[in-house]
């Protein structure tokens, strides 16, 4: 048993629960080290100079009945950073995500000067978070409360309590909005200090009995637009004077010499592909050319699934070939996904026509 009921409280019951060697009401009610997170408990809730939660035992008016409702296993407030990484993007100058917290059974409104907000402060490093420097984002949220009927005669009185959701997972959700992304890389760890505050984010109460109980961290991942790119597989075997021939793709028809200079973005959640393609050759010694291929199979591979784009097609050295179609196997373009364009079964002249790049 970890929580006492509200009736029939005896010294023996309390002694056994808290592991005391005394049967004295004074020693039991005045015991140090009782759980400050229990909604009901003997003693006065407060904060120390560092805003950490403390429970001060009484020095007079010892009432065994103050153990009614006492839960020795009540846990401290907590912040949930699940999932461990939130996604944002692609693009955009700000992002949004969700933070969750629970004040558990903490009798917040039994404090002499109760707080009624939760503040989230975000930092780029653990050192900045500890020092409170270089704040990147701050957002406050009203703590939801509901009416409370205190136990008659109990020293700890409150007429409001934290309105924790009554259905799983019992977390209070806070939507973080307008979060500046200009300082973020594709994957960035951010460091969070969460605390109970006034309306101006002046810290009143940490989430536990030490400052670090208020600390958490979160990974932010920037989703990238899905894309495809050409890949060299040494097909076709380059003719004399060339180091390599490879597929080069583009989102635009021209200029063909710019093909392959960047990946070709595809439409998120779409089942189709769209791109222009030429064959590029690198001449031994370093120059680049768009070369003509007599016949080639063009293959797009995404997540191990092959889509045959075309077979036995001739590619020109003066213009790109455009292809649009549907991915094989019911594939779709997910964020961060990519497809690879390769050549197969190619034939090329010993001295191919080319456009100098």
Protein backbone atom coordinates (compact mmCIF):
# COMPACT_ATOMS: atom_id res chain seq x y z
CA UNK A 1 0.00 0.00 0.00
CA UNK A 2 1.38 3.42 -0.92
CA UNK A 3 -1.62 5.72 -0.35
CA UNK A 4 -3.64 6.07 2.81
CA UNK A 5 -7.39 6.41 2.80
CA UNK A 6 -9.37 9.29 4.28
CA UNK A 7 -10.66 7.47 7.37
CA UNK A 8 -9.38 5.20 10.13
CA UNK A 9 -5.86 6.68 10.23
CA UNK A 10 -3.84 5.22 13.12
CA UNK A 11 -0.32 5.75 14.40
CA UNK A 12 0.52 2.12 13.59
CA UNK A 13 -0.73 2.50 10.03
CA UNK A 14 1.30 5.68 9.51
CA UNK A 15 4.36 4.28 11.27
CA UNK A 16 4.45 1.25 8.99
CA UNK A 17 3.80 3.32 5.85
CA UNK A 18 6.62 5.82 6.35
CA UNK A 19 9.00 3.36 8.00
CA UNK A 20 9.20 5.20 11.29
CA UNK A 21 10.35 3.72 14.60
CA UNK A 22 8.02 5.97 16.56
CA UNK A 23 4.38 5.72 17.54
CA UNK A 24 4.29 9.37 18.61
CA UNK A 25 1.95 11.66 16.69
CA UNK A 26 4.50 14.46 17.08
CA UNK A 27 7.27 12.37 15.53
CA UNK A 28 5.07 10.99 12.77
CA UNK A 29 3.39 14.21 11.70
CA UNK A 30 6.63 16.16 12.20
CA UNK A 31 8.77 13.65 10.32
CA UNK A 32 11.26 14.98 7.80
CA UNK A 33 11.45 13.58 4.27
CA UNK A 34 7.77 13.08 3.58
CA UNK A 35 6.73 13.14 -0.07
CA UNK A 36 6.10 16.75 -1.23
CA UNK A 37 4.33 15.52 -4.37
CA UNK A 38 1.45 13.87 -2.53
CA UNK A 39 -1.73 15.93 -2.89
CA UNK A 40 -2.39 15.50 0.83
CA UNK A 41 0.40 15.30 3.41
CA UNK A 42 1.34 16.86 6.75
CA UNK A 43 3.42 20.01 6.55
CA UNK A 44 3.63 23.20 4.51
CA UNK A 45 4.46 23.18 0.79
CA UNK A 46 6.77 25.90 -0.44
CA UNK A 47 9.89 26.65 -2.45
CA UNK A 48 13.44 27.36 -1.41
CA UNK A 49 15.66 30.18 -2.67
CA UNK A 50 16.31 28.21 -5.88
CA UNK A 51 12.57 27.70 -6.52
CA UNK A 52 12.78 24.00 -5.74
CA UNK A 53 9.76 22.35 -4.09
CA UNK A 54 10.15 21.74 -0.35
CA UNK A 55 7.86 20.31 2.33
CA UNK A 56 8.38 21.76 5.79
CA UNK A 57 7.12 19.64 8.73
CA UNK A 58 4.90 21.38 11.28
CA UNK A 59 6.35 22.45 14.61
CA UNK A 60 2.97 22.85 16.34
CA UNK A 61 -0.61 21.65 15.87
CA UNK A 62 0.35 18.07 15.08
CA UNK A 63 -2.69 16.38 13.54
CA UNK A 64 -2.50 12.69 12.70
CA UNK A 65 -5.46 13.28 10.40
CA UNK A 66 -3.16 15.24 8.09
CA UNK A 67 -1.98 11.84 6.88
CA UNK A 68 -5.39 11.26 5.32
CA UNK A 69 -4.88 10.80 1.56
CA UNK A 70 -1.09 10.73 1.91
CA UNK A 71 0.67 8.87 -0.95
CA UNK A 72 4.29 8.05 -0.22
CA UNK A 73 4.89 7.02 -3.86
CA UNK A 74 3.50 10.11 -5.61
CA UNK A 75 5.94 11.20 -8.31
CA UNK A 76 7.30 14.59 -9.27
CA UNK A 77 5.89 16.63 -12.18
CA UNK A 78 7.36 15.65 -15.51
CA UNK A 79 7.81 16.78 -19.11
CA UNK A 80 7.25 14.36 -21.97
CA UNK A 81 9.38 14.78 -25.07
CA UNK A 82 7.84 11.94 -27.02
CA UNK A 83 8.58 11.31 -29.77
CA UNK A 84 12.27 11.92 -29.13
CA UNK A 85 12.46 13.75 -32.46
CA UNK A 86 9.86 16.06 -34.01
CA UNK A 87 9.81 16.78 -37.72
CA UNK A 88 9.35 20.11 -39.43
CA UNK A 89 9.50 21.47 -42.96
CA UNK A 90 10.27 21.17 -45.72
CA UNK A 91 11.26 24.82 -45.91
CA UNK A 92 9.56 27.57 -43.97
CA UNK A 93 10.93 30.11 -41.51
CA UNK A 94 9.04 28.76 -38.47
CA UNK A 95 7.75 25.42 -37.28
CA UNK A 96 5.32 24.03 -34.73
CA UNK A 97 5.40 21.01 -32.47
CA UNK A 98 3.86 19.73 -29.23
CA UNK A 99 5.24 19.64 -25.69
CA UNK A 100 3.49 17.66 -22.96
CA UNK A 101 3.68 17.88 -19.19
CA UNK A 102 2.07 16.47 -16.07
CA UNK A 103 2.00 18.03 -12.62
CA UNK A 104 1.00 14.60 -11.31
CA UNK A 105 -0.55 14.80 -7.80
CA UNK A 106 1.27 17.98 -6.81
CA UNK A 107 -1.06 20.18 -4.75
CA UNK A 108 0.01 23.32 -6.58
CA UNK A 109 -2.69 25.52 -5.11
CA UNK A 110 -1.73 24.70 -1.54
CA UNK A 111 1.37 26.85 -2.05
CA UNK A 112 1.40 30.22 -0.29
CA UNK A 113 1.88 31.96 -3.66
CA UNK A 114 0.61 29.50 -6.27
CA UNK A 115 1.65 29.70 -9.92
CA UNK A 116 -0.92 29.40 -12.66
CA UNK A 117 1.21 29.09 -15.81
CA UNK A 118 3.76 26.71 -17.27
CA UNK A 119 6.64 28.26 -19.22
CA UNK A 120 8.78 26.44 -21.79
CA UNK A 121 12.20 27.99 -22.49
CA UNK A 122 14.24 26.62 -25.42
CA UNK A 123 18.02 26.82 -25.79
CA UNK A 124 20.62 25.66 -28.31
CA UNK A 125 22.89 24.04 -25.72
CA UNK A 126 22.78 22.52 -22.26
CA UNK A 127 25.22 25.18 -21.07
CA UNK A 128 22.92 27.99 -22.23
CA UNK A 129 19.98 26.31 -20.54
CA UNK A 130 21.86 26.06 -17.23
CA UNK A 131 22.99 29.67 -17.46
CA UNK A 132 19.69 30.99 -18.84
CA UNK A 133 21.53 32.67 -21.72
CA UNK A 134 20.82 32.95 -25.47
CA UNK A 135 17.14 32.06 -25.16
CA UNK A 136 15.85 30.87 -28.55
CA UNK A 137 12.13 30.62 -27.87
CA UNK A 138 9.73 31.05 -24.95
CA UNK A 139 6.07 30.18 -24.68
CA UNK A 140 3.69 30.12 -21.70
CA UNK A 141 0.50 28.17 -21.13
CA UNK A 142 -2.26 28.51 -18.57
CA UNK A 143 -2.45 25.54 -16.23
CA UNK A 144 -5.93 24.03 -16.60
CA UNK A 145 -7.68 23.81 -13.23
CA UNK A 146 -10.90 22.46 -11.84
CA UNK A 147 -12.81 22.98 -8.61
CA UNK A 148 -11.70 21.03 -5.56
CA UNK A 149 -13.44 20.08 -2.32
CA UNK A 150 -10.71 19.75 0.33
CA UNK A 151 -10.88 17.10 3.04
CA UNK A 152 -12.68 18.64 6.05
CA UNK A 153 -10.28 19.45 8.87
CA UNK A 154 -7.15 18.73 6.85
CA UNK A 155 -4.40 21.32 7.31
CA UNK A 156 -3.64 21.39 3.62
CA UNK A 157 -6.56 23.18 1.99
CA UNK A 158 -7.15 23.96 -1.67
CA UNK A 159 -10.17 24.93 -3.71
CA UNK A 160 -8.52 24.31 -7.10
CA UNK A 161 -6.49 21.44 -8.48
CA UNK A 162 -4.70 20.76 -11.74
CA UNK A 163 -7.20 19.45 -14.25
CA UNK A 164 -5.20 16.50 -15.55
CA UNK A 165 -7.04 14.86 -18.48
CA UNK A 166 -9.15 11.94 -17.28
CA UNK A 167 -8.27 9.70 -20.24
CA UNK A 168 -4.94 8.19 -21.24
CA UNK A 169 -2.21 9.26 -21.66
CA UNK A 170 -3.05 11.93 -19.03
CA UNK A 171 -0.61 14.49 -20.44
CA UNK A 172 -1.42 18.17 -20.79
CA UNK A 173 -0.56 19.15 -24.37
CA UNK A 174 0.96 22.51 -25.29
CA UNK A 175 1.28 23.58 -28.91
CA UNK A 176 4.60 25.33 -29.50
CA UNK A 177 4.11 27.72 -32.42
CA UNK A 178 6.20 30.26 -34.33
CA UNK A 179 9.45 28.47 -33.48
CA UNK A 180 12.24 30.13 -35.49
CA UNK A 181 14.02 27.61 -37.74
CA UNK A 182 16.77 29.88 -39.08
CA UNK A 183 19.31 28.58 -36.54
CA UNK A 184 18.42 24.90 -37.00
CA UNK A 185 20.32 22.38 -39.09
CA UNK A 186 18.69 19.29 -40.60
CA UNK A 187 18.99 17.54 -37.22
CA UNK A 188 19.29 19.75 -34.14
CA UNK A 189 19.08 18.94 -30.44
CA UNK A 190 17.33 21.63 -28.43
CA UNK A 191 17.40 21.99 -24.65
CA UNK A 192 14.30 22.87 -22.63
CA UNK A 193 13.69 24.33 -19.20
CA UNK A 194 10.08 23.90 -18.04
CA UNK A 195 8.79 25.57 -14.90
CA UNK A 196 5.75 27.04 -13.18
CA UNK A 197 5.63 30.79 -13.59
CA UNK A 198 3.54 33.91 -13.46
CA UNK A 199 2.07 35.42 -16.62
CA UNK A 200 5.41 37.11 -17.38
CA UNK A 201 7.48 33.91 -17.21
CA UNK A 202 8.99 34.83 -13.85
CA UNK A 203 9.97 31.51 -12.36
CA UNK A 204 7.98 30.54 -9.27
CA UNK A 205 8.39 26.79 -8.92
CA UNK A 206 10.68 24.21 -10.51
CA UNK A 207 9.20 20.89 -11.52
CA UNK A 208 10.85 19.09 -8.63
CA UNK A 209 13.24 19.32 -5.72
CA UNK A 210 16.15 20.38 -7.92
CA UNK A 211 16.49 22.69 -10.89
CA UNK A 212 17.42 19.85 -13.25
CA UNK A 213 14.04 18.23 -12.62
CA UNK A 214 12.74 20.95 -14.94
CA UNK A 215 15.17 20.01 -17.74
CA UNK A 216 14.49 18.01 -20.88
CA UNK A 217 15.76 17.86 -24.44
CA UNK A 218 14.29 17.24 -27.87
CA UNK A 219 15.55 16.57 -31.37
CA UNK A 220 14.14 18.60 -34.25
CA UNK A 221 14.50 17.07 -37.70
CA UNK A 222 13.92 19.01 -40.89
CA UNK A 223 11.99 16.95 -43.40
CA UNK A 224 13.45 17.18 -46.90
CA UNK A 225 11.39 17.21 -50.06
CA UNK A 226 11.63 13.83 -51.82
CA UNK A 227 13.99 13.81 -54.78
CA UNK A 228 15.65 11.68 -57.44
CA UNK A 229 19.14 11.82 -58.90
CA UNK A 230 21.29 10.06 -61.48
CA UNK A 231 23.84 7.47 -60.43
CA UNK A 232 26.84 6.06 -62.24
CA UNK A 233 26.96 2.26 -62.44
CA UNK A 234 29.54 2.19 -65.28
CA UNK A 235 26.76 1.52 -67.80
CA UNK A 236 27.38 2.05 -70.60
CA UNK A 237 31.08 1.29 -70.63
CA UNK A 238 32.60 4.61 -71.63
CA UNK A 239 34.10 4.83 -75.14
CA UNK A 240 37.72 5.74 -75.76
CA UNK A 241 38.66 9.11 -74.26
CA UNK A 242 35.87 9.12 -71.65
CA UNK A 243 36.29 8.32 -67.96
CA UNK A 244 32.57 7.70 -67.34
CA UNK A 245 29.08 8.00 -68.85
CA UNK A 246 26.20 8.50 -66.40
CA UNK A 247 22.54 9.63 -66.29
CA UNK A 248 21.99 13.29 -65.41
CA UNK A 249 18.53 14.57 -64.50
CA UNK A 250 16.84 17.95 -64.31
CA UNK A 251 13.47 19.49 -63.51
CA UNK A 252 13.72 21.75 -66.57
CA UNK A 253 14.18 21.10 -70.27
CA UNK A 254 17.18 23.39 -70.66
CA UNK A 255 20.00 24.15 -70.52
CA UNK A 256 21.09 20.55 -70.82
CA UNK A 257 24.59 21.27 -69.53
CA UNK A 258 23.04 22.10 -66.14
CA UNK A 259 21.51 18.64 -65.80
CA UNK A 260 22.72 16.80 -62.74
CA UNK A 261 23.83 19.94 -60.91
CA UNK A 262 21.17 19.31 -58.24
CA UNK A 263 18.65 16.69 -57.23
CA UNK A 264 15.21 16.81 -58.81
CA UNK A 265 12.49 17.30 -56.23
CA UNK A 266 9.35 15.22 -56.49
CA UNK A 267 5.91 15.94 -55.06
CA UNK A 268 5.38 14.74 -51.49
CA UNK A 269 2.85 11.91 -51.14
CA UNK A 270 2.56 11.61 -54.92
CA UNK A 271 2.70 8.23 -56.67
CA UNK A 272 4.16 9.68 -59.88
CA UNK A 273 7.59 10.78 -61.08
CA UNK A 274 8.59 13.58 -63.44
CA UNK A 275 12.02 14.56 -64.78
CA UNK A 276 14.21 15.27 -67.84
CA UNK A 277 17.24 13.13 -68.56
CA UNK A 278 20.43 13.20 -70.68
CA UNK A 279 23.64 11.18 -70.65
CA UNK A 280 26.69 13.05 -69.44
CA UNK A 281 30.24 12.03 -70.06
CA UNK A 282 33.40 13.10 -68.33
CA UNK A 283 36.35 13.24 -70.66
CA UNK A 284 39.66 11.93 -69.37
CA UNK A 285 41.40 15.09 -68.28
CA UNK A 286 38.30 16.72 -66.80
CA UNK A 287 35.88 18.34 -69.32
CA UNK A 288 32.17 17.42 -69.33
CA UNK A 289 29.93 16.68 -72.32
CA UNK A 290 26.35 15.67 -73.02
CA UNK A 291 26.69 12.63 -75.24
CA UNK A 292 24.33 10.71 -77.52
CA UNK A 293 23.39 7.12 -76.65
CA UNK A 294 22.02 4.82 -79.34
CA UNK A 295 19.92 2.63 -77.03
CA UNK A 296 19.44 2.41 -73.26
CA UNK A 297 17.05 1.17 -70.59
CA UNK A 298 16.24 3.80 -67.94
CA UNK A 299 15.48 2.51 -64.43
CA UNK A 300 14.26 4.35 -61.30
CA UNK A 301 14.88 2.53 -58.02
CA UNK A 302 13.22 3.70 -54.80
CA UNK A 303 13.29 1.72 -51.54
CA UNK A 304 14.54 -1.28 -53.50
CA UNK A 305 11.57 -1.23 -55.92
CA UNK A 306 12.44 -0.85 -59.61
CA UNK A 307 10.36 1.24 -61.96
CA UNK A 308 11.26 0.74 -65.62
CA UNK A 309 11.01 4.19 -67.15
CA UNK A 310 11.85 3.28 -70.74
CA UNK A 311 13.68 0.57 -72.71
CA UNK A 312 15.77 0.69 -75.86
CA UNK A 313 15.45 4.47 -76.09
CA UNK A 314 17.92 6.76 -77.86
CA UNK A 315 19.06 9.83 -75.92
CA UNK A 316 20.05 12.96 -77.80
CA UNK A 317 23.15 15.07 -77.22
CA UNK A 318 21.22 18.31 -77.86
CA UNK A 319 18.00 17.93 -75.86
CA UNK A 320 16.73 16.14 -72.79
CA UNK A 321 14.08 13.42 -72.83
CA UNK A 322 11.07 14.04 -70.56
CA UNK A 323 9.49 11.25 -68.54
CA UNK A 324 6.34 11.20 -66.45
CA UNK A 325 4.70 8.11 -64.99
CA UNK A 326 3.67 6.10 -61.94
CA UNK A 327 6.00 4.49 -59.43
CA UNK A 328 5.97 0.69 -59.43
CA UNK A 329 4.65 -1.36 -56.53
CA UNK A 330 2.30 1.33 -55.25
CA UNK A 331 5.24 3.50 -54.17
CA UNK A 332 4.85 7.08 -52.96
CA UNK A 333 7.25 9.95 -52.39
CA UNK A 334 7.67 10.31 -48.63
CA UNK A 335 9.60 13.12 -46.97
CA UNK A 336 13.34 12.34 -46.87
CA UNK A 337 12.94 9.66 -49.55
CA UNK A 338 14.90 9.54 -52.77
CA UNK A 339 15.04 7.63 -56.02
CA UNK A 340 18.06 6.69 -58.12
CA UNK A 341 18.13 6.79 -61.93
CA UNK A 342 20.44 4.28 -63.60
CA UNK A 343 21.22 3.05 -67.12
CA UNK A 344 21.07 -0.59 -68.19
CA UNK A 345 21.63 -2.45 -71.47
CA UNK A 346 23.15 0.57 -73.18
CA UNK A 347 24.90 0.85 -76.52
CA UNK A 348 26.98 3.87 -77.48
CA UNK A 349 29.09 4.74 -80.50
CA UNK A 350 32.88 4.60 -80.33
CA UNK A 351 32.91 8.34 -81.06
CA UNK A 352 29.51 9.60 -79.87
CA UNK A 353 28.01 12.92 -80.82
CA UNK A 354 28.30 15.39 -77.95
CA UNK A 355 27.58 18.93 -76.75
CA UNK A 356 30.51 20.48 -74.97
CA UNK A 357 29.79 21.61 -71.42
